C-alpha atoms as a PDB file:
ATOM      1  CA  MET A   1     128.382 115.709 105.545  1.00  0.00           C
ATOM      2  CA  THR A   2     127.354 115.758 109.196  1.00  0.00           C
ATOM      3  CA  VAL A   3     128.844 113.872 112.130  1.00  0.00           C
ATOM      4  CA  TRP A   4     125.902 111.468 111.825  1.00  0.00           C
ATOM      5  CA  THR A   5     126.296 110.742 108.111  1.00  0.00           C
ATOM      6  CA  GLU A   6     130.089 110.518 108.440  1.00  0.00           C
ATOM      7  CA  HIS A   7     129.565 107.804 111.055  1.00  0.00           C
ATOM      8  CA  LEU A   8     127.243 105.931 108.718  1.00  0.00           C
ATOM      9  CA  SER A   9     129.834 106.143 105.942  1.00  0.00           C
ATOM     10  CA  ARG A  10     132.458 104.646 108.247  1.00  0.00           C
ATOM     11  CA  LEU A  11     130.051 101.763 108.880  1.00  0.00           C
ATOM     12  CA  GLY A  12     129.914 101.094 105.132  1.00  0.00           C
ATOM     13  CA  ALA A  13     126.809 103.033 104.183  1.00  0.00           C
ATOM     14  CA  THR A  14     126.304 104.439 100.710  1.00  0.00           C
ATOM     15  CA  LEU A  15     124.542 107.798 100.816  1.00  0.00           C
ATOM     16  CA  ALA A  16     122.592 109.134  97.846  1.00  0.00           C
ATOM     17  CA  GLU A  17     120.031 111.742  96.859  1.00  0.00           C
ATOM     18  CA  THR A  18     117.170 111.398  94.406  1.00  0.00           C
ATOM     19  CA  GLN A  19     115.886 114.584  92.796  1.00  0.00           C
ATOM     20  CA  THR A  20     112.107 114.653  93.058  1.00  0.00           C
ATOM     21  CA  THR A  21     109.762 117.383  91.878  1.00  0.00           C
ATOM     22  CA  ALA A  22     110.650 119.270  95.058  1.00  0.00           C
ATOM     23  CA  ALA A  23     113.793 119.062  97.198  1.00  0.00           C
ATOM     24  CA  PRO A  24     116.261 116.140  96.933  1.00  0.00           C
ATOM     25  CA  LEU A  25     115.221 112.989  98.793  1.00  0.00           C
ATOM     26  CA  PRO A  26     118.159 111.461 100.709  1.00  0.00           C
ATOM     27  CA  SER A  27     118.586 107.709 101.027  1.00  0.00           C
ATOM     28  CA  VAL A  28     121.052 105.253 102.491  1.00  0.00           C
ATOM     29  CA  ARG A  29     121.970 101.598 101.930  1.00  0.00           C
ATOM     30  CA  PHE A  30     124.456  99.193 103.490  1.00  0.00           C
ATOM     31  CA  ALA A  31     124.072  96.254 101.096  1.00  0.00           C
ATOM     32  CA  ALA A  32     122.352  95.197  97.890  1.00  0.00           C
ATOM     33  CA  ALA A  33     118.643  96.007  97.752  1.00  0.00           C
ATOM     34  CA  THR A  34     117.670  92.320  97.692  1.00  0.00           C
ATOM     35  CA  ASP A  35     119.834  91.559 100.729  1.00  0.00           C
ATOM     36  CA  GLU A  36     118.386  94.434 102.709  1.00  0.00           C
ATOM     37  CA  ALA A  37     114.858  93.390 101.766  1.00  0.00           C
ATOM     38  CA  ARG A  38     115.644  89.879 102.975  1.00  0.00           C
ATOM     39  CA  ALA A  39     116.968  91.267 106.255  1.00  0.00           C
ATOM     40  CA  ALA A  40     113.803  93.333 106.670  1.00  0.00           C
ATOM     41  CA  SER A  41     111.728  90.181 106.127  1.00  0.00           C
ATOM     42  CA  GLU A  42     113.722  87.772 108.269  1.00  0.00           C
ATOM     43  CA  SER A  43     115.524  89.852 110.896  1.00  0.00           C
ATOM     44  CA  THR A  44     115.196  92.991 112.961  1.00  0.00           C
ATOM     45  CA  VAL A  45     116.818  95.917 111.196  1.00  0.00           C
ATOM     46  CA  VAL A  46     117.945  99.377 112.260  1.00  0.00           C
ATOM     47  CA  VAL A  47     117.636 102.073 109.619  1.00  0.00           C
ATOM     48  CA  PRO A  48     118.864 105.685 109.485  1.00  0.00           C
ATOM     49  CA  LEU A  49     115.707 107.467 108.317  1.00  0.00           C
ATOM     50  CA  LEU A  50     117.452 110.052 106.160  1.00  0.00           C
ATOM     51  CA  HIS A  51     114.470 110.212 103.793  1.00  0.00           C
ATOM     52  CA  LEU A  52     112.380 111.712 106.605  1.00  0.00           C
ATOM     53  CA  GLY A  53     112.642 115.134 108.209  1.00  0.00           C
ATOM     54  CA  ILE A  54     111.164 116.694 111.312  1.00  0.00           C
ATOM     55  CA  ILE A  55     109.403 119.971 112.005  1.00  0.00           C
ATOM     56  CA  ARG A  56     109.105 121.157 115.593  1.00  0.00           C
ATOM     57  CA  SER A  57     106.205 123.341 116.670  1.00  0.00           C
ATOM     58  CA  VAL A  58     106.996 125.062 119.976  1.00  0.00           C
ATOM     59  CA  GLY A  59     104.938 127.465 122.054  1.00  0.00           C
ATOM     60  CA  PRO A  60     101.841 127.740 124.256  1.00  0.00           C
ATOM     61  CA  ASP A  61      99.541 127.879 121.205  1.00  0.00           C
ATOM     62  CA  SER A  62     101.074 124.856 119.437  1.00  0.00           C
ATOM     63  CA  ALA A  63      98.127 122.497 120.014  1.00  0.00           C
ATOM     64  CA  ALA A  64      95.455 125.056 119.105  1.00  0.00           C
ATOM     65  CA  PHE A  65      97.422 126.224 116.060  1.00  0.00           C
ATOM     66  CA  LEU A  66      97.916 122.727 114.639  1.00  0.00           C
ATOM     67  CA  HIS A  67      94.450 121.522 115.632  1.00  0.00           C
ATOM     68  CA  ASN A  68      92.860 124.131 113.345  1.00  0.00           C
ATOM     69  CA  LEU A  69      94.955 123.048 110.360  1.00  0.00           C
ATOM     70  CA  VAL A  70      95.294 119.261 110.326  1.00  0.00           C
ATOM     71  CA  SER A  71      93.023 116.247 109.899  1.00  0.00           C
ATOM     72  CA  ASN A  72      93.382 114.714 113.352  1.00  0.00           C
ATOM     73  CA  ASP A  73      92.440 115.908 116.843  1.00  0.00           C
ATOM     74  CA  VAL A  74      95.572 117.540 118.250  1.00  0.00           C
ATOM     75  CA  ASN A  75      93.797 118.829 121.369  1.00  0.00           C
ATOM     76  CA  LYS A  76      93.072 115.267 122.470  1.00  0.00           C
ATOM     77  CA  LEU A  77      96.565 113.924 121.768  1.00  0.00           C
ATOM     78  CA  PRO A  78      97.866 112.545 125.108  1.00  0.00           C
ATOM     79  CA  ALA A  79     101.140 113.807 126.527  1.00  0.00           C
ATOM     80  CA  ASP A  80     102.671 110.412 125.723  1.00  0.00           C
ATOM     81  CA  GLY A  81     100.751 110.053 122.472  1.00  0.00           C
ATOM     82  CA  ALA A  82     101.525 109.924 118.762  1.00  0.00           C
ATOM     83  CA  ALA A  83      99.171 109.939 115.792  1.00  0.00           C
ATOM     84  CA  TRP A  84      99.095 109.910 112.018  1.00  0.00           C
ATOM     85  CA  ASN A  85      98.002 113.232 110.619  1.00  0.00           C
ATOM     86  CA  SER A  86      97.754 115.236 107.405  1.00  0.00           C
ATOM     87  CA  PHE A  87      97.545 118.748 106.024  1.00  0.00           C
ATOM     88  CA  ASN A  88      95.179 119.105 103.097  1.00  0.00           C
ATOM     89  CA  SER A  89      94.393 121.534 100.327  1.00  0.00           C
ATOM     90  CA  PRO A  90      90.997 123.306 100.309  1.00  0.00           C
ATOM     91  CA  LYS A  91      89.919 120.553  97.894  1.00  0.00           C
ATOM     92  CA  GLY A  92      90.695 117.933 100.525  1.00  0.00           C
ATOM     93  CA  ARG A  93      93.818 116.589  98.810  1.00  0.00           C
ATOM     94  CA  MET A  94      96.792 115.677 100.965  1.00  0.00           C
ATOM     95  CA  ILE A  95      99.681 118.125 100.760  1.00  0.00           C
ATOM     96  CA  ALA A  96     101.560 116.292 103.503  1.00  0.00           C
ATOM     97  CA  SER A  97     101.152 113.204 105.643  1.00  0.00           C
ATOM     98  CA  PHE A  98     103.078 112.936 108.880  1.00  0.00           C
ATOM     99  CA  LEU A  99     103.568 111.222 112.194  1.00  0.00           C
ATOM    100  CA  MET A 100     102.913 113.682 115.024  1.00  0.00           C
ATOM    101  CA  TRP A 101     103.773 113.412 118.689  1.00  0.00           C
ATOM    102  CA  ALA A 102     103.310 115.615 121.731  1.00  0.00           C
ATOM    103  CA  GLU A 103     106.247 117.301 123.458  1.00  0.00           C
ATOM    104  CA  ASP A 104     106.461 119.267 126.719  1.00  0.00           C
ATOM    105  CA  GLU A 105     106.418 122.586 124.874  1.00  0.00           C
ATOM    106  CA  GLY A 106     104.830 121.641 121.572  1.00  0.00           C
ATOM    107  CA  HIS A 107     104.815 118.936 118.930  1.00  0.00           C
ATOM    108  CA  GLY A 108     107.027 117.043 116.487  1.00  0.00           C
ATOM    109  CA  LEU A 109     105.957 116.323 112.901  1.00  0.00           C
ATOM    110  CA  VAL A 110     107.831 113.691 110.867  1.00  0.00           C
ATOM    111  CA  LEU A 111     107.292 113.776 107.093  1.00  0.00           C
ATOM    112  CA  SER A 112     109.023 113.105 103.795  1.00  0.00           C
ATOM    113  CA  ALA A 113     112.195 115.192 103.537  1.00  0.00           C
ATOM    114  CA  ASP A 114     111.563 116.223  99.937  1.00  0.00           C
ATOM    115  CA  ILE A 115     108.377 118.123 100.778  1.00  0.00           C
ATOM    116  CA  LEU A 116     109.456 119.495 104.150  1.00  0.00           C
ATOM    117  CA  PRO A 117     110.897 122.899 103.115  1.00  0.00           C
ATOM    118  CA  ALA A 118     107.857 123.921 101.054  1.00  0.00           C
ATOM    119  CA  PHE A 119     105.422 122.540 103.628  1.00  0.00           C
ATOM    120  CA  LEU A 120     107.158 124.391 106.461  1.00  0.00           C
ATOM    121  CA  LYS A 121     106.893 127.619 104.458  1.00  0.00           C
ATOM    122  CA  LYS A 122     103.181 127.027 103.838  1.00  0.00           C
ATOM    123  CA  LEU A 123     102.498 126.139 107.464  1.00  0.00           C
ATOM    124  CA  SER A 124     104.348 129.240 108.647  1.00  0.00           C
ATOM    125  CA  MET A 125     101.952 131.442 106.693  1.00  0.00           C
ATOM    126  CA  TYR A 126      99.200 130.498 109.148  1.00  0.00           C
ATOM    127  CA  VAL A 127     101.088 131.458 112.318  1.00  0.00           C
ATOM    128  CA  LEU A 128     100.080 135.150 112.310  1.00  0.00           C
ATOM    129  CA  ARG A 129      99.599 136.113 115.970  1.00  0.00           C
ATOM    130  CA  SER A 130      99.711 132.593 117.394  1.00  0.00           C
ATOM    131  CA  LYS A 131     102.298 132.056 120.101  1.00  0.00           C
ATOM    132  CA  VAL A 132     104.105 129.297 118.243  1.00  0.00           C
ATOM    133  CA  LYS A 133     107.433 128.912 116.472  1.00  0.00           C
ATOM    134  CA  LEU A 134     107.974 126.448 113.645  1.00  0.00           C
ATOM    135  CA  ALA A 135     111.422 125.173 112.693  1.00  0.00           C
ATOM    136  CA  ASN A 136     113.072 122.491 110.597  1.00  0.00           C
ATOM    137  CA  ALA A 137     114.790 120.337 113.228  1.00  0.00           C
ATOM    138  CA  SER A 138     116.242 117.816 110.772  1.00  0.00           C
ATOM    139  CA  ASP A 139     119.821 119.028 111.340  1.00  0.00           C
ATOM    140  CA  THR A 140     119.630 118.765 115.125  1.00  0.00           C
ATOM    141  CA  LEU A 141     117.524 115.611 115.492  1.00  0.00           C
ATOM    142  CA  ALA A 142     118.316 112.296 113.823  1.00  0.00           C
ATOM    143  CA  LEU A 143     115.558 109.803 113.063  1.00  0.00           C
ATOM    144  CA  ILE A 144     116.232 106.073 113.357  1.00  0.00           C
ATOM    145  CA  GLY A 145     113.834 103.241 112.565  1.00  0.00           C
ATOM    146  CA  VAL A 146     113.828  99.784 114.146  1.00  0.00           C
ATOM    147  CA  CYS A 147     111.573  97.127 112.656  1.00  0.00           C
ATOM    148  CA  GLY A 148     111.168  93.380 112.880  1.00  0.00           C
ATOM    149  CA  LYS A 149     109.682  90.732 115.152  1.00  0.00           C
ATOM    150  CA  ASN A 150     112.409  91.225 117.776  1.00  0.00           C
ATOM    151  CA  ALA A 151     112.375  95.026 117.615  1.00  0.00           C
ATOM    152  CA  ALA A 152     111.217  95.455 121.215  1.00  0.00           C
ATOM    153  CA  ALA A 153     113.922  93.142 122.563  1.00  0.00           C
ATOM    154  CA  VAL A 154     116.620  94.961 120.580  1.00  0.00           C
ATOM    155  CA  LEU A 155     115.463  98.329 121.905  1.00  0.00           C
ATOM    156  CA  GLN A 156     115.384  97.091 125.484  1.00  0.00           C
ATOM    157  CA  THR A 157     118.871  95.611 125.146  1.00  0.00           C
ATOM    158  CA  ALA A 158     120.048  99.013 123.913  1.00  0.00           C
ATOM    159  CA  GLY A 159     118.569 100.648 127.016  1.00  0.00           C
ATOM    160  CA  ILE A 160     115.625 102.344 125.280  1.00  0.00           C
ATOM    161  CA  GLU A 161     112.540 102.803 127.456  1.00  0.00           C
ATOM    162  CA  MET A 162     109.592 101.071 125.819  1.00  0.00           C
ATOM    163  CA  PRO A 163     106.200 102.729 125.162  1.00  0.00           C
ATOM    164  CA  ALA A 164     103.262 100.976 126.785  1.00  0.00           C
ATOM    165  CA  ALA A 165     101.170 100.557 123.615  1.00  0.00           C
ATOM    166  CA  ASP A 166     100.913 101.327 119.919  1.00  0.00           C
ATOM    167  CA  MET A 167     101.055 105.043 119.031  1.00  0.00           C
ATOM    168  CA  ARG A 168     102.560 105.874 122.391  1.00  0.00           C
ATOM    169  CA  GLN A 169     105.996 107.317 123.098  1.00  0.00           C
ATOM    170  CA  THR A 170     108.661 107.554 125.756  1.00  0.00           C
ATOM    171  CA  LEU A 171     111.453 110.059 126.356  1.00  0.00           C
ATOM    172  CA  THR A 172     114.547 108.950 128.256  1.00  0.00           C
ATOM    173  CA  ALA A 173     116.531 111.196 130.583  1.00  0.00           C
ATOM    174  CA  ASP A 174     119.261 111.466 127.955  1.00  0.00           C
ATOM    175  CA  GLY A 175     116.810 112.665 125.309  1.00  0.00           C
ATOM    176  CA  VAL A 176     116.018 109.555 123.235  1.00  0.00           C
ATOM    177  CA  ARG A 177     112.395 109.655 122.104  1.00  0.00           C
ATOM    178  CA  CYS A 178     110.880 106.303 121.131  1.00  0.00           C
ATOM    179  CA  VAL A 179     107.560 106.103 119.275  1.00  0.00           C
ATOM    180  CA  ARG A 180     105.935 102.680 119.012  1.00  0.00           C
ATOM    181  CA  ILE A 181     104.078 102.541 115.700  1.00  0.00           C
ATOM    182  CA  ASP A 182     103.105  98.917 116.316  1.00  0.00           C
ATOM    183  CA  ALA A 183     104.666  95.834 117.889  1.00  0.00           C
ATOM    184  CA  GLU A 184     107.219  95.478 115.073  1.00  0.00           C
ATOM    185  CA  ARG A 185     107.957  99.116 114.138  1.00  0.00           C
ATOM    186  CA  TYR A 186     109.522 101.854 116.227  1.00  0.00           C
ATOM    187  CA  LEU A 187     110.796 105.315 115.367  1.00  0.00           C
ATOM    188  CA  LEU A 188     113.476 107.040 117.430  1.00  0.00           C
ATOM    189  CA  ALA A 189     114.270 110.750 117.505  1.00  0.00           C
ATOM    190  CA  VAL A 190     117.638 111.519 119.070  1.00  0.00           C
ATOM    191  CA  ALA A 191     120.012 114.480 119.154  1.00  0.00           C
ATOM    192  CA  ALA A 192     122.168 114.319 116.021  1.00  0.00           C
ATOM    193  CA  ASP A 193     125.352 114.324 118.087  1.00  0.00           C
ATOM    194  CA  ASP A 194     124.149 111.238 119.984  1.00  0.00           C
ATOM    195  CA  ALA A 195     122.779 109.308 117.002  1.00  0.00           C
ATOM    196  CA  ALA A 196     125.961 107.343 116.309  1.00  0.00           C
ATOM    197  CA  GLY A 197     126.056 105.939 119.838  1.00  0.00           C
ATOM    198  CA  VAL A 198     122.367 104.993 119.783  1.00  0.00           C
ATOM    199  CA  PHE A 199     122.718 103.364 116.353  1.00  0.00           C
ATOM    200  CA  ASP A 200     125.749 101.348 117.454  1.00  0.00           C
ATOM    201  CA  ALA A 201     123.943 100.238 120.615  1.00  0.00           C
ATOM    202  CA  LEU A 202     121.043  98.947 118.535  1.00  0.00           C
ATOM    203  CA  VAL A 203     123.413  97.007 116.293  1.00  0.00           C
ATOM    204  CA  ALA A 204     125.138  95.596 119.371  1.00  0.00           C
ATOM    205  CA  GLY A 205     121.678  94.682 120.658  1.00  0.00           C
ATOM    206  CA  GLY A 206     121.053  92.422 117.676  1.00  0.00           C
ATOM    207  CA  ALA A 207     119.708  94.638 114.882  1.00  0.00           C
ATOM    208  CA  VAL A 208     121.051  94.362 111.338  1.00  0.00           C
ATOM    209  CA  LYS A 209     122.167  97.594 109.638  1.00  0.00           C
ATOM    210  CA  ALA A 210     119.845  98.345 106.708  1.00  0.00           C
ATOM    211  CA  GLY A 211     118.935 101.200 104.409  1.00  0.00           C
ATOM    212  CA  THR A 212     115.985 103.334 103.405  1.00  0.00           C
ATOM    213  CA  ALA A 213     114.340 100.682 101.233  1.00  0.00           C
ATOM    214  CA  ALA A 214     114.156  98.206 104.136  1.00  0.00           C
ATOM    215  CA  TRP A 215     112.127 100.667 106.220  1.00  0.00           C
ATOM    216  CA  GLN A 216     109.928 101.525 103.235  1.00  0.00           C
ATOM    217  CA  LEU A 217     109.226  97.834 102.626  1.00  0.00           C
ATOM    218  CA  SER A 218     108.218  97.373 106.261  1.00  0.00           C
ATOM    219  CA  MET A 219     105.879 100.365 106.119  1.00  0.00           C
ATOM    220  CA  ILE A 220     104.333  99.140 102.864  1.00  0.00           C
ATOM    221  CA  ARG A 221     103.609  95.773 104.455  1.00  0.00           C
ATOM    222  CA  ALA A 222     102.014  97.581 107.395  1.00  0.00           C
ATOM    223  CA  GLY A 223      99.807  99.568 104.998  1.00  0.00           C
ATOM    224  CA  LEU A 224     101.190 102.909 106.221  1.00  0.00           C
ATOM    225  CA  PRO A 225     101.554 105.435 103.368  1.00  0.00           C
ATOM    226  CA  LEU A 226     103.837 108.436 103.020  1.00  0.00           C
ATOM    227  CA  VAL A 227     103.014 111.381 100.783  1.00  0.00           C
ATOM    228  CA  THR A 228     106.091 112.443  98.798  1.00  0.00           C
ATOM    229  CA  ALA A 229     106.556 115.125  96.151  1.00  0.00           C
ATOM    230  CA  PRO A 230     105.261 113.014  93.214  1.00  0.00           C
ATOM    231  CA  THR A 231     101.952 112.338  95.006  1.00  0.00           C
ATOM    232  CA  GLN A 232     101.180 115.675  96.657  1.00  0.00           C
ATOM    233  CA  GLU A 233      97.556 116.800  96.221  1.00  0.00           C
ATOM    234  CA  GLU A 234      96.627 113.511  94.522  1.00  0.00           C
ATOM    235  CA  PHE A 235      94.591 111.852  97.265  1.00  0.00           C
ATOM    236  CA  VAL A 236      91.792 112.526  99.719  1.00  0.00           C
ATOM    237  CA  ALA A 237      92.590 111.022 103.131  1.00  0.00           C
ATOM    238  CA  GLN A 238      90.288 108.005 102.771  1.00  0.00           C
ATOM    239  CA  MET A 239      91.920 107.044  99.460  1.00  0.00           C
ATOM    240  CA  LEU A 240      95.105 106.451 101.490  1.00  0.00           C
ATOM    241  CA  ASN A 241      93.118 104.497 104.123  1.00  0.00           C
ATOM    242  CA  TYR A 242      93.923 107.269 106.554  1.00  0.00           C
ATOM    243  CA  GLU A 243      90.746 106.924 108.573  1.00  0.00           C
ATOM    244  CA  LEU A 244      91.532 103.203 108.967  1.00  0.00           C
ATOM    245  CA  ILE A 245      94.955 103.856 110.483  1.00  0.00           C
ATOM    246  CA  GLY A 246      93.697 106.580 112.813  1.00  0.00           C
ATOM    247  CA  GLY A 247      94.774 109.629 110.829  1.00  0.00           C
ATOM    248  CA  VAL A 248      91.422 111.446 110.638  1.00  0.00           C
ATOM    249  CA  SER A 249      89.032 112.745 113.282  1.00  0.00           C
ATOM    250  CA  PHE A 250      85.426 113.253 112.189  1.00  0.00           C
ATOM    251  CA  HIS A 251      84.460 114.946 115.465  1.00  0.00           C
ATOM    252  CA  LYS A 252      86.818 117.922 115.556  1.00  0.00           C
ATOM    253  CA  GLY A 253      86.216 121.392 114.159  1.00  0.00           C
ATOM    254  CA  CYS A 254      86.959 122.733 110.718  1.00  0.00           C
ATOM    255  CA  TYR A 255      90.334 122.575 108.997  1.00  0.00           C
ATOM    256  CA  PRO A 256      91.399 123.061 105.362  1.00  0.00           C
ATOM    257  CA  GLY A 257      89.675 120.417 103.220  1.00  0.00           C
ATOM    258  CA  GLN A 258      87.485 119.182 106.086  1.00  0.00           C
ATOM    259  CA  GLU A 259      84.241 119.477 104.121  1.00  0.00           C
ATOM    260  CA  ILE A 260      85.560 117.257 101.323  1.00  0.00           C
ATOM    261  CA  VAL A 261      86.963 114.670 103.754  1.00  0.00           C
ATOM    262  CA  ALA A 262      83.658 114.550 105.670  1.00  0.00           C
ATOM    263  CA  ARG A 263      81.590 114.326 102.489  1.00  0.00           C
ATOM    264  CA  THR A 264      83.763 111.459 101.271  1.00  0.00           C
ATOM    265  CA  GLN A 265      83.125 109.638 104.534  1.00  0.00           C
ATOM    266  CA  TYR A 266      79.362 110.084 104.782  1.00  0.00           C
ATOM    267  CA  LEU A 267      78.014 110.512 101.256  1.00  0.00           C
ATOM    268  CA  GLY A 268      78.163 107.734  98.697  1.00  0.00           C
ATOM    269  CA  LYS A 269      80.588 104.843  98.315  1.00  0.00           C
ATOM    270  CA  LEU A 270      84.317 105.502  98.233  1.00  0.00           C
ATOM    271  CA  LYS A 271      85.455 104.589  94.718  1.00  0.00           C
ATOM    272  CA  LYS A 272      89.203 104.484  95.373  1.00  0.00           C
ATOM    273  CA  ARG A 273      91.197 102.784  98.088  1.00  0.00           C
ATOM    274  CA  MET A 274      94.847 102.104  98.796  1.00  0.00           C
ATOM    275  CA  TYR A 275      95.955  98.544  98.071  1.00  0.00           C
ATOM    276  CA  ARG A 276      99.193  96.631  98.417  1.00  0.00           C
ATOM    277  CA  VAL A 277     100.543  95.295  95.125  1.00  0.00           C
ATOM    278  CA  ALA A 278     103.582  93.456  93.782  1.00  0.00           C
ATOM    279  CA  ALA A 279     105.435  93.351  90.461  1.00  0.00           C
ATOM    280  CA  ALA A 280     107.850  90.745  89.131  1.00  0.00           C
ATOM    281  CA  PRO A 281     111.642  91.234  89.028  1.00  0.00           C
ATOM    282  CA  GLY A 282     113.004  93.590  86.416  1.00  0.00           C
ATOM    283  CA  ILE A 283     110.058  96.014  86.470  1.00  0.00           C
ATOM    284  CA  GLU A 284     110.792  99.669  87.224  1.00  0.00           C
ATOM    285  CA  VAL A 285     108.196 101.239  89.494  1.00  0.00           C
ATOM    286  CA  VAL A 286     108.273 104.738  90.972  1.00  0.00           C
ATOM    287  CA  ALA A 287     105.920 106.816  93.096  1.00  0.00           C
ATOM    288  CA  GLY A 288     103.349 108.674  91.017  1.00  0.00           C
ATOM    289  CA  MET A 289     103.297 106.104  88.196  1.00  0.00           C
ATOM    290  CA  ASP A 290      99.866 105.396  86.716  1.00  0.00           C
ATOM    291  CA  ILE A 291      98.081 102.060  86.937  1.00  0.00           C
ATOM    292  CA  HIS A 292      95.677 100.895  84.245  1.00  0.00           C
ATOM    293  CA  ALA A 293      92.846  98.362  84.103  1.00  0.00           C
ATOM    294  CA  PRO A 294      90.455  97.141  81.349  1.00  0.00           C
ATOM    295  CA  ASP A 295      87.381  98.728  82.932  1.00  0.00           C
ATOM    296  CA  PHE A 296      88.963 102.188  82.596  1.00  0.00           C
ATOM    297  CA  GLY A 297      90.374 101.812  79.127  1.00  0.00           C
ATOM    298  CA  GLU A 298      93.048 104.401  78.409  1.00  0.00           C
ATOM    299  CA  GLN A 299      92.232 106.370  81.555  1.00  0.00           C
ATOM    300  CA  SER A 300      94.300 105.877  84.683  1.00  0.00           C
ATOM    301  CA  ALA A 301      92.699 103.528  87.214  1.00  0.00           C
ATOM    302  CA  GLY A 302      95.178 104.317  89.962  1.00  0.00           C
ATOM    303  CA  LYS A 303      98.541 105.654  91.016  1.00  0.00           C
ATOM    304  CA  VAL A 304     101.566 104.279  92.878  1.00  0.00           C
ATOM    305  CA  VAL A 305     102.102 105.853  96.309  1.00  0.00           C
ATOM    306  CA  ASN A 306     105.201 104.164  97.763  1.00  0.00           C
ATOM    307  CA  VAL A 307     107.455 101.406  96.421  1.00  0.00           C
ATOM    308  CA  ALA A 308     110.292  99.215  97.723  1.00  0.00           C
ATOM    309  CA  PRO A 309     112.348  96.295  96.362  1.00  0.00           C
ATOM    310  CA  THR A 310     111.835  92.748  97.622  1.00  0.00           C
ATOM    311  CA  ALA A 311     114.264  89.908  98.294  1.00  0.00           C
ATOM    312  CA  ASP A 312     113.532  88.217  94.955  1.00  0.00           C
ATOM    313  CA  GLY A 313     114.322  91.345  92.931  1.00  0.00           C
ATOM    314  CA  GLY A 314     110.693  92.344  92.469  1.00  0.00           C
ATOM    315  CA  ILE A 315     108.842  95.185  94.154  1.00  0.00           C
ATOM    316  CA  GLU A 316     106.037  95.751  96.586  1.00  0.00           C
ATOM    317  CA  ALA A 317     104.069  98.985  96.574  1.00  0.00           C
ATOM    318  CA  LEU A 318     101.143 100.817  98.019  1.00  0.00           C
ATOM    319  CA  ALA A 319      98.850 102.144  95.305  1.00  0.00           C
ATOM    320  CA  VAL A 320      95.550 103.992  95.224  1.00  0.00           C
ATOM    321  CA  ILE A 321      93.315 102.116  92.788  1.00  0.00           C
ATOM    322  CA  GLN A 322      89.694 102.213  91.666  1.00  0.00           C
ATOM    323  CA  SER A 323      88.024  99.559  93.812  1.00  0.00           C
ATOM    324  CA  SER A 324      86.169  98.113  90.827  1.00  0.00           C
ATOM    325  CA  SER A 325      89.476  97.643  89.009  1.00  0.00           C
ATOM    326  CA  ALA A 326      91.106  96.058  92.039  1.00  0.00           C
ATOM    327  CA  GLU A 327      88.191  93.663  92.446  1.00  0.00           C
ATOM    328  CA  ALA A 328      88.450  92.681  88.787  1.00  0.00           C
ATOM    329  CA  GLY A 329      92.109  91.880  89.369  1.00  0.00           C
ATOM    330  CA  GLN A 330      93.509  92.887  85.974  1.00  0.00           C
ATOM    331  CA  LEU A 331      95.926  95.618  86.948  1.00  0.00           C
ATOM    332  CA  ARG A 332      98.804  96.809  84.796  1.00  0.00           C
ATOM    333  CA  LEU A 333     101.580  99.281  85.401  1.00  0.00           C
ATOM    334  CA  GLY A 334     101.829 102.320  83.188  1.00  0.00           C
ATOM    335  CA  ALA A 335     100.216 101.779  79.777  1.00  0.00           C
ATOM    336  CA  GLY A 336      97.481  99.226  79.259  1.00  0.00           C
ATOM    337  CA  GLU A 337      99.980  96.621  78.089  1.00  0.00           C
ATOM    338  CA  GLY A 338     102.396  97.250  80.967  1.00  0.00           C
ATOM    339  CA  ALA A 339     103.599  94.797  83.568  1.00  0.00           C
ATOM    340  CA  THR A 340     100.964  92.924  85.546  1.00  0.00           C
ATOM    341  CA  LEU A 341     100.458  93.836  89.188  1.00  0.00           C
ATOM    342  CA  GLU A 342      99.459  91.263  91.796  1.00  0.00           C
ATOM    343  CA  LEU A 343      97.224  92.252  94.695  1.00  0.00           C
ATOM    344  CA  LEU A 344      98.614  91.423  98.132  1.00  0.00           C
ATOM    345  CA  PRO A 345      96.796  91.513 101.501  1.00  0.00           C
ATOM    346  CA  LEU A 346      96.934  94.451 103.902  1.00  0.00           C
ATOM    347  CA  PRO A 347      97.064  93.924 107.685  1.00  0.00           C
ATOM    348  CA  TYR A 348      93.691  95.649 108.092  1.00  0.00           C
ATOM    349  CA  ALA A 349      90.288  95.327 106.422  1.00  0.00           C
ATOM    350  CA  LEU A 350      89.279  97.968 103.878  1.00  0.00           C
ATOM    351  CA  GLY A 351      85.623  97.702 104.854  1.00  0.00           C
END
């Protein structure tokens, strides 16, 4: 255990790891899943984001290096900016999705911890003669999420400098980086040795301690997906609504998979989109699980992307589904006779 996780344990946290198809995926909880989901719905919560990791890209060529590899325009990222981004296979399928921000000497990339080691290895293969160094900074930087209607007030009470707008960031003199995802969701990156003090200040400022699932539920309700090991290379960016949340630039130069992403945007109608769905209590749902619908018979009509428990014991999830199946509204989990899924609204239009 680290100083950070030992502090969380003293606060009553239960730490766990789930073995995915790649590396273990850490998680944390402070209370029952239903209670934490209720807190995420009714209060402002502070969450140790142990399920996420961070890669730092440092060097004079960092922007040019990343710009040539990822889906968004790194060269135009403001010094105080942040953006959703992705790295894709030559077939245009997402290998990793991440939140990227600019730093004085490079960039930070926040992604799912279970795919980080393999992704870092793959990314490093492209460095060659570029003046850039890539490193897993997850042991030296702790990530903390704050979400809820009073998130901004809690952060200000804790002495965190507030970003001016969505997808902007601040960096305090003592090294606390704050990224505003939207008005109700903020991500902090802080030196691991200082994380306990920042976390306690946020609790003192009015936030409720909550675990991984509370943050995941908030992100699902915001329609913000995260590629994890079970869903790697399953989706083209637009299937995950990535162009709708600002994760794709159609005006930059080439990058791996760019031709497929551009063709999907400009030729023909997109047949699959990401939707928000719900299942009743007692139904087990995991990322990568197939979704079926009558119009596709025994073939899969979709796949679960992210899932989190709700206050009533059910689940909410993001799922990529054939649009025709979603419009018909007869969605079932797993086999054709599986549990029924209910479509829920997203905070943005699918177009």
